[in-house]
PDB file of N, CA and C in Angstrom:
ATOM      1  N   MET A   1      15.076  36.384  16.210  1.00  0.00           N
ATOM      2  CA  MET A   1      14.605  35.069  17.587  1.00  0.00           C
ATOM      3  C   MET A   1      13.639  34.209  17.606  1.00  0.00           C
ATOM      4  N   SER A   2      13.507  33.277  17.701  1.00  0.00           N
ATOM      5  CA  SER A   2      12.241  32.373  17.914  1.00  0.00           C
ATOM      6  C   SER A   2      11.060  32.073  19.186  1.00  0.00           C
ATOM      7  N   ASN A   3      10.477  32.465  19.258  1.00  0.00           N
ATOM      8  CA  ASN A   3       9.526  32.747  20.637  1.00  0.00           C
ATOM      9  C   ASN A   3       9.297  30.808  20.736  1.00  0.00           C
ATOM     10  N   VAL A   4      10.090  30.009  21.312  1.00  0.00           N
ATOM     11  CA  VAL A   4       9.922  28.317  22.033  1.00  0.00           C
ATOM     12  C   VAL A   4       9.127  28.399  23.351  1.00  0.00           C
ATOM     13  N   HIS A   5       8.266  28.068  23.290  1.00  0.00           N
ATOM     14  CA  HIS A   5       7.028  27.569  24.142  1.00  0.00           C
ATOM     15  C   HIS A   5       7.258  25.906  25.069  1.00  0.00           C
ATOM     16  N   HIS A   6       7.971  26.298  26.211  1.00  0.00           N
ATOM     17  CA  HIS A   6       8.168  25.157  27.009  1.00  0.00           C
ATOM     18  C   HIS A   6       6.636  24.430  27.821  1.00  0.00           C
ATOM     19  N   PRO A   7       6.227  23.670  27.159  1.00  0.00           N
ATOM     20  CA  PRO A   7       5.469  23.453  28.487  1.00  0.00           C
ATOM     21  C   PRO A   7       5.334  22.972  29.989  1.00  0.00           C
ATOM     22  N   HIS A   8       5.044  22.669  30.626  1.00  0.00           N
ATOM     23  CA  HIS A   8       4.740  22.437  31.837  1.00  0.00           C
ATOM     24  C   HIS A   8       4.303  21.016  32.026  1.00  0.00           C
ATOM     25  N   ALA A   9       4.844  20.295  32.522  1.00  0.00           N
ATOM     26  CA  ALA A   9       4.367  18.455  32.121  1.00  0.00           C
ATOM     27  C   ALA A   9       4.399  17.820  33.787  1.00  0.00           C
ATOM     28  N   ASP A  10       3.245  17.374  34.205  1.00  0.00           N
ATOM     29  CA  ASP A  10       3.714  16.408  35.613  1.00  0.00           C
ATOM     30  C   ASP A  10       3.797  15.038  34.677  1.00  0.00           C
ATOM     31  N   PHE A  11       4.824  14.262  35.604  1.00  0.00           N
ATOM     32  CA  PHE A  11       5.136  12.758  35.438  1.00  0.00           C
ATOM     33  C   PHE A  11       3.775  11.925  36.108  1.00  0.00           C
ATOM     34  N   VAL A  12       3.375  11.029  35.526  1.00  0.00           N
ATOM     35  CA  VAL A  12       3.022   9.683  36.407  1.00  0.00           C
ATOM     36  C   VAL A  12       4.270   9.164  36.664  1.00  0.00           C
ATOM     37  N   THR A  13       4.297   8.054  37.404  1.00  0.00           N
ATOM     38  CA  THR A  13       5.459   6.842  37.939  1.00  0.00           C
ATOM     39  C   THR A  13       5.199   6.010  38.580  1.00  0.00           C
ATOM     40  N   ASP A  14       5.787   5.091  38.404  1.00  0.00           N
ATOM     41  CA  ASP A  14       5.494   3.752  38.644  1.00  0.00           C
ATOM     42  C   ASP A  14       5.830   3.846  40.194  1.00  0.00           C
ATOM     43  N   GLN A  15       5.992   2.971  40.816  1.00  0.00           N
ATOM     44  CA  GLN A  15       6.378   2.565  42.455  1.00  0.00           C
ATOM     45  C   GLN A  15       8.177   2.691  42.539  1.00  0.00           C
ATOM     46  N   ASN A  16       8.439   2.102  41.339  1.00  0.00           N
ATOM     47  CA  ASN A  16       9.899   2.521  41.110  1.00  0.00           C
ATOM     48  C   ASN A  16      10.678   3.744  40.439  1.00  0.00           C
ATOM     49  N   GLY A  17       9.305   5.163  40.575  1.00  0.00           N
ATOM     50  CA  GLY A  17      10.227   6.141  39.778  1.00  0.00           C
ATOM     51  C   GLY A  17      10.289   6.376  38.648  1.00  0.00           C
ATOM     52  N   ASN A  18      10.080   5.156  37.736  1.00  0.00           N
ATOM     53  CA  ASN A  18       9.851   5.122  36.143  1.00  0.00           C
ATOM     54  C   ASN A  18       8.645   6.531  35.622  1.00  0.00           C
ATOM     55  N   ARG A  19       8.991   7.205  34.902  1.00  0.00           N
ATOM     56  CA  ARG A  19       8.124   8.057  33.889  1.00  0.00           C
ATOM     57  C   ARG A  19       6.936   6.990  33.306  1.00  0.00           C
ATOM     58  N   LYS A  20       5.918   6.761  33.398  1.00  0.00           N
ATOM     59  CA  LYS A  20       4.825   6.170  32.913  1.00  0.00           C
ATOM     60  C   LYS A  20       3.909   6.868  32.046  1.00  0.00           C
ATOM     61  N   ALA A  21       3.573   8.173  32.580  1.00  0.00           N
ATOM     62  CA  ALA A  21       2.722   8.903  31.622  1.00  0.00           C
ATOM     63  C   ALA A  21       2.931  10.434  31.878  1.00  0.00           C
ATOM     64  N   VAL A  22       2.417  10.998  31.117  1.00  0.00           N
ATOM     65  CA  VAL A  22       2.395  12.481  31.308  1.00  0.00           C
ATOM     66  C   VAL A  22       1.075  13.182  31.263  1.00  0.00           C
ATOM     67  N   ILE A  23       1.076  14.525  31.642  1.00  0.00           N
ATOM     68  CA  ILE A  23       0.181  15.232  32.506  1.00  0.00           C
ATOM     69  C   ILE A  23       0.881  16.624  31.546  1.00  0.00           C
ATOM     70  N   LEU A  24      -0.360  17.024  30.786  1.00  0.00           N
ATOM     71  CA  LEU A  24       0.019  18.777  30.194  1.00  0.00           C
ATOM     72  C   LEU A  24      -1.270  18.871  30.106  1.00  0.00           C
ATOM     73  N   SER A  25      -1.315  20.559  30.212  1.00  0.00           N
ATOM     74  CA  SER A  25      -2.401  20.988  30.349  1.00  0.00           C
ATOM     75  C   SER A  25      -3.392  21.036  28.711  1.00  0.00           C
ATOM     76  N   PHE A  26      -4.446  21.407  28.409  1.00  0.00           N
ATOM     77  CA  PHE A  26      -4.678  20.925  27.368  1.00  0.00           C
ATOM     78  C   PHE A  26      -4.664  22.284  26.277  1.00  0.00           C
ATOM     79  N   GLU A  27      -4.534  23.146  27.123  1.00  0.00           N
ATOM     80  CA  GLU A  27      -3.466  24.045  25.739  1.00  0.00           C
ATOM     81  C   GLU A  27      -2.467  23.700  24.954  1.00  0.00           C
ATOM     82  N   ASP A  28      -0.871  23.239  26.321  1.00  0.00           N
ATOM     83  CA  ASP A  28      -0.032  22.697  25.734  1.00  0.00           C
ATOM     84  C   ASP A  28      -0.330  21.103  24.831  1.00  0.00           C
ATOM     85  N   TYR A  29      -0.977  20.436  24.835  1.00  0.00           N
ATOM     86  CA  TYR A  29      -1.630  19.317  24.339  1.00  0.00           C
ATOM     87  C   TYR A  29      -1.958  19.531  22.886  1.00  0.00           C
ATOM     88  N   GLN A  30      -2.830  20.728  22.626  1.00  0.00           N
ATOM     89  CA  GLN A  30      -2.866  21.275  21.279  1.00  0.00           C
ATOM     90  C   GLN A  30      -1.951  21.564  20.753  1.00  0.00           C
ATOM     91  N   GLU A  31      -1.244  22.434  21.224  1.00  0.00           N
ATOM     92  CA  GLU A  31       0.116  23.272  20.344  1.00  0.00           C
ATOM     93  C   GLU A  31       0.867  21.956  19.928  1.00  0.00           C
ATOM     94  N   LEU A  32       1.127  20.788  21.058  1.00  0.00           N
ATOM     95  CA  LEU A  32       1.916  20.259  20.662  1.00  0.00           C
ATOM     96  C   LEU A  32       1.198  19.350  19.118  1.00  0.00           C
ATOM     97  N   LEU A  33      -0.272  18.809  19.038  1.00  0.00           N
ATOM     98  CA  LEU A  33      -0.924  18.756  17.772  1.00  0.00           C
ATOM     99  C   LEU A  33      -0.462  19.270  16.533  1.00  0.00           C
ATOM    100  N   GLU A  34      -0.653  20.548  17.188  1.00  0.00           N
ATOM    101  CA  GLU A  34      -0.292  20.984  15.678  1.00  0.00           C
ATOM    102  C   GLU A  34       0.838  21.131  15.585  1.00  0.00           C
ATOM    103  N   ASP A  35       1.922  21.600  16.392  1.00  0.00           N
ATOM    104  CA  ASP A  35       3.877  20.909  15.857  1.00  0.00           C
ATOM    105  C   ASP A  35       3.746  20.048  15.050  1.00  0.00           C
ATOM    106  N   LEU A  36       3.170  18.902  15.891  1.00  0.00           N
ATOM    107  CA  LEU A  36       3.404  17.951  14.650  1.00  0.00           C
ATOM    108  C   LEU A  36       2.448  17.854  13.842  1.00  0.00           C
ATOM    109  N   ASP A  37       1.845  18.186  13.340  1.00  0.00           N
ATOM    110  CA  ASP A  37       0.848  18.568  12.072  1.00  0.00           C
ATOM    111  C   ASP A  37       2.129  19.008  11.112  1.00  0.00           C
ATOM    112  N   ASP A  38       2.268  20.630  11.827  1.00  0.00           N
ATOM    113  CA  ASP A  38       3.212  21.666  10.998  1.00  0.00           C
ATOM    114  C   ASP A  38       4.651  20.437  10.228  1.00  0.00           C
ATOM    115  N   LEU A  39       5.011  19.774  11.169  1.00  0.00           N
ATOM    116  CA  LEU A  39       6.299  19.015  10.832  1.00  0.00           C
ATOM    117  C   LEU A  39       5.729  17.586   9.416  1.00  0.00           C
ATOM    118  N   ALA A  40       4.595  17.026  10.013  1.00  0.00           N
ATOM    119  CA  ALA A  40       3.895  16.034   9.090  1.00  0.00           C
ATOM    120  C   ALA A  40       3.945  16.618   7.452  1.00  0.00           C
ATOM    121  N   VAL A  41       3.753  17.945   7.316  1.00  0.00           N
ATOM    122  CA  VAL A  41       3.441  19.064   5.959  1.00  0.00           C
ATOM    123  C   VAL A  41       4.856  19.344   5.644  1.00  0.00           C
ATOM    124  N   VAL A  42       6.016  19.089   6.762  1.00  0.00           N
ATOM    125  CA  VAL A  42       7.272  19.791   6.294  1.00  0.00           C
ATOM    126  C   VAL A  42       7.792  18.663   5.433  1.00  0.00           C
ATOM    127  N   ALA A  43       7.598  17.154   5.950  1.00  0.00           N
ATOM    128  CA  ALA A  43       7.812  16.162   5.254  1.00  0.00           C
ATOM    129  C   ALA A  43       7.662  15.830   4.547  1.00  0.00           C
ATOM    130  N   GLU A  44       6.159  15.908   4.529  1.00  0.00           N
ATOM    131  CA  GLU A  44       5.345  15.677   2.723  1.00  0.00           C
ATOM    132  C   GLU A  44       5.763  16.289   1.827  1.00  0.00           C
ATOM    133  N   ARG A  45       6.792  17.791   2.193  1.00  0.00           N
ATOM    134  CA  ARG A  45       6.832  18.171   0.887  1.00  0.00           C
ATOM    135  C   ARG A  45       8.072  18.659   0.739  1.00  0.00           C
ATOM    136  N   GLN A  46       9.181  17.748   1.138  1.00  0.00           N
ATOM    137  CA  GLN A  46      10.131  18.061   1.430  1.00  0.00           C
ATOM    138  C   GLN A  46      11.046  18.026   0.288  1.00  0.00           C
ATOM    139  N   SER A  47      10.517  17.251  -0.973  1.00  0.00           N
ATOM    140  CA  SER A  47      11.057  17.138  -2.150  1.00  0.00           C
ATOM    141  C   SER A  47      10.371  18.102  -2.801  1.00  0.00           C
ATOM    142  N   GLU A  48       9.028  19.227  -2.906  1.00  0.00           N
ATOM    143  CA  GLU A  48       9.201  19.694  -4.024  1.00  0.00           C
ATOM    144  C   GLU A  48      10.149  21.036  -4.397  1.00  0.00           C
ATOM    145  N   ASP A  49      10.035  21.405  -5.560  1.00  0.00           N
ATOM    146  CA  ASP A  49      10.758  22.625  -6.136  1.00  0.00           C
ATOM    147  C   ASP A  49      10.866  23.322  -5.476  1.00  0.00           C
ATOM    148  N   THR A  50      12.045  24.436  -5.163  1.00  0.00           N
ATOM    149  CA  THR A  50      12.127  25.550  -4.226  1.00  0.00           C
ATOM    150  C   THR A  50      11.912  26.851  -5.224  1.00  0.00           C
ATOM    151  N   ILE A  51      11.749  28.168  -4.515  1.00  0.00           N
ATOM    152  CA  ILE A  51      11.756  29.219  -5.760  1.00  0.00           C
ATOM    153  C   ILE A  51      12.395  30.043  -4.935  1.00  0.00           C
ATOM    154  N   SER A  52      13.201  31.179  -5.020  1.00  0.00           N
ATOM    155  CA  SER A  52      13.748  32.323  -4.382  1.00  0.00           C
ATOM    156  C   SER A  52      13.012  33.181  -4.219  1.00  0.00           C
ATOM    157  N   HIS A  53      13.454  34.136  -2.682  1.00  0.00           N
ATOM    158  CA  HIS A  53      12.163  35.089  -2.577  1.00  0.00           C
ATOM    159  C   HIS A  53      11.767  35.883  -3.646  1.00  0.00           C
ATOM    160  N   ALA A  54      13.092  35.891  -4.150  1.00  0.00           N
ATOM    161  CA  ALA A  54      12.058  37.479  -5.607  1.00  0.00           C
ATOM    162  C   ALA A  54      11.757  36.804  -6.473  1.00  0.00           C
ATOM    163  N   GLU A  55      11.684  35.605  -6.896  1.00  0.00           N
ATOM    164  CA  GLU A  55      11.033  34.787  -7.945  1.00  0.00           C
ATOM    165  C   GLU A  55       9.331  34.948  -6.868  1.00  0.00           C
ATOM    166  N   LEU A  56       9.366  34.621  -5.813  1.00  0.00           N
ATOM    167  CA  LEU A  56       8.023  34.902  -5.150  1.00  0.00           C
ATOM    168  C   LEU A  56       7.674  36.049  -5.254  1.00  0.00           C
ATOM    169  N   GLU A  57       8.035  36.825  -5.095  1.00  0.00           N
ATOM    170  CA  GLU A  57       7.728  38.211  -5.173  1.00  0.00           C
ATOM    171  C   GLU A  57       7.291  38.546  -6.769  1.00  0.00           C
ATOM    172  N   ARG A  58       8.245  37.882  -7.534  1.00  0.00           N
ATOM    173  CA  ARG A  58       7.558  38.613  -8.405  1.00  0.00           C
ATOM    174  C   ARG A  58       6.302  37.973  -9.090  1.00  0.00           C
ATOM    175  N   GLU A  59       5.862  36.939  -8.473  1.00  0.00           N
ATOM    176  CA  GLU A  59       4.483  35.539  -8.864  1.00  0.00           C
ATOM    177  C   GLU A  59       3.730  36.384  -8.119  1.00  0.00           C
ATOM    178  N   LEU A  60       3.579  36.819  -6.886  1.00  0.00           N
ATOM    179  CA  LEU A  60       3.003  37.427  -6.651  1.00  0.00           C
ATOM    180  C   LEU A  60       2.582  38.669  -7.007  1.00  0.00           C
ATOM    181  N   LYS A  61       3.165  39.668  -7.469  1.00  0.00           N
ATOM    182  CA  LYS A  61       2.963  40.906  -7.906  1.00  0.00           C
ATOM    183  C   LYS A  61       2.560  40.572  -9.342  1.00  0.00           C
ATOM    184  N   GLY A  62       2.305  39.226  -9.979  1.00  0.00           N
ATOM    185  CA  GLY A  62       1.675  38.926 -11.211  1.00  0.00           C
ATOM    186  C   GLY A  62       2.727  39.392 -12.650  1.00  0.00           C
ATOM    187  N   GLU A  63       4.211  39.297 -12.177  1.00  0.00           N
ATOM    188  CA  GLU A  63       4.980  39.739 -12.720  1.00  0.00           C
ATOM    189  C   GLU A  63       5.419  37.985 -13.715  1.00  0.00           C
ATOM    190  N   SER A  64       6.284  38.075 -14.544  1.00  0.00           N
ATOM    191  CA  SER A  64       6.540  36.808 -15.015  1.00  0.00           C
ATOM    192  C   SER A  64       8.001  36.648 -14.803  1.00  0.00           C
TER     193      SER A  64
END
């Protein structure tokens, strides 16, 4: 089960009620930037070869 945080956001609207800006707490803003950075890393590494969990365990144990 994932722990999803939904930040509280306030919106700045124009005279017609259209949302023009968002106000987030600094903590929520930092979390958003971290999430964006994580997604960028995933996108950069998407073409890399993968290995199985068992193979990773063998590598970590120093086995071939």
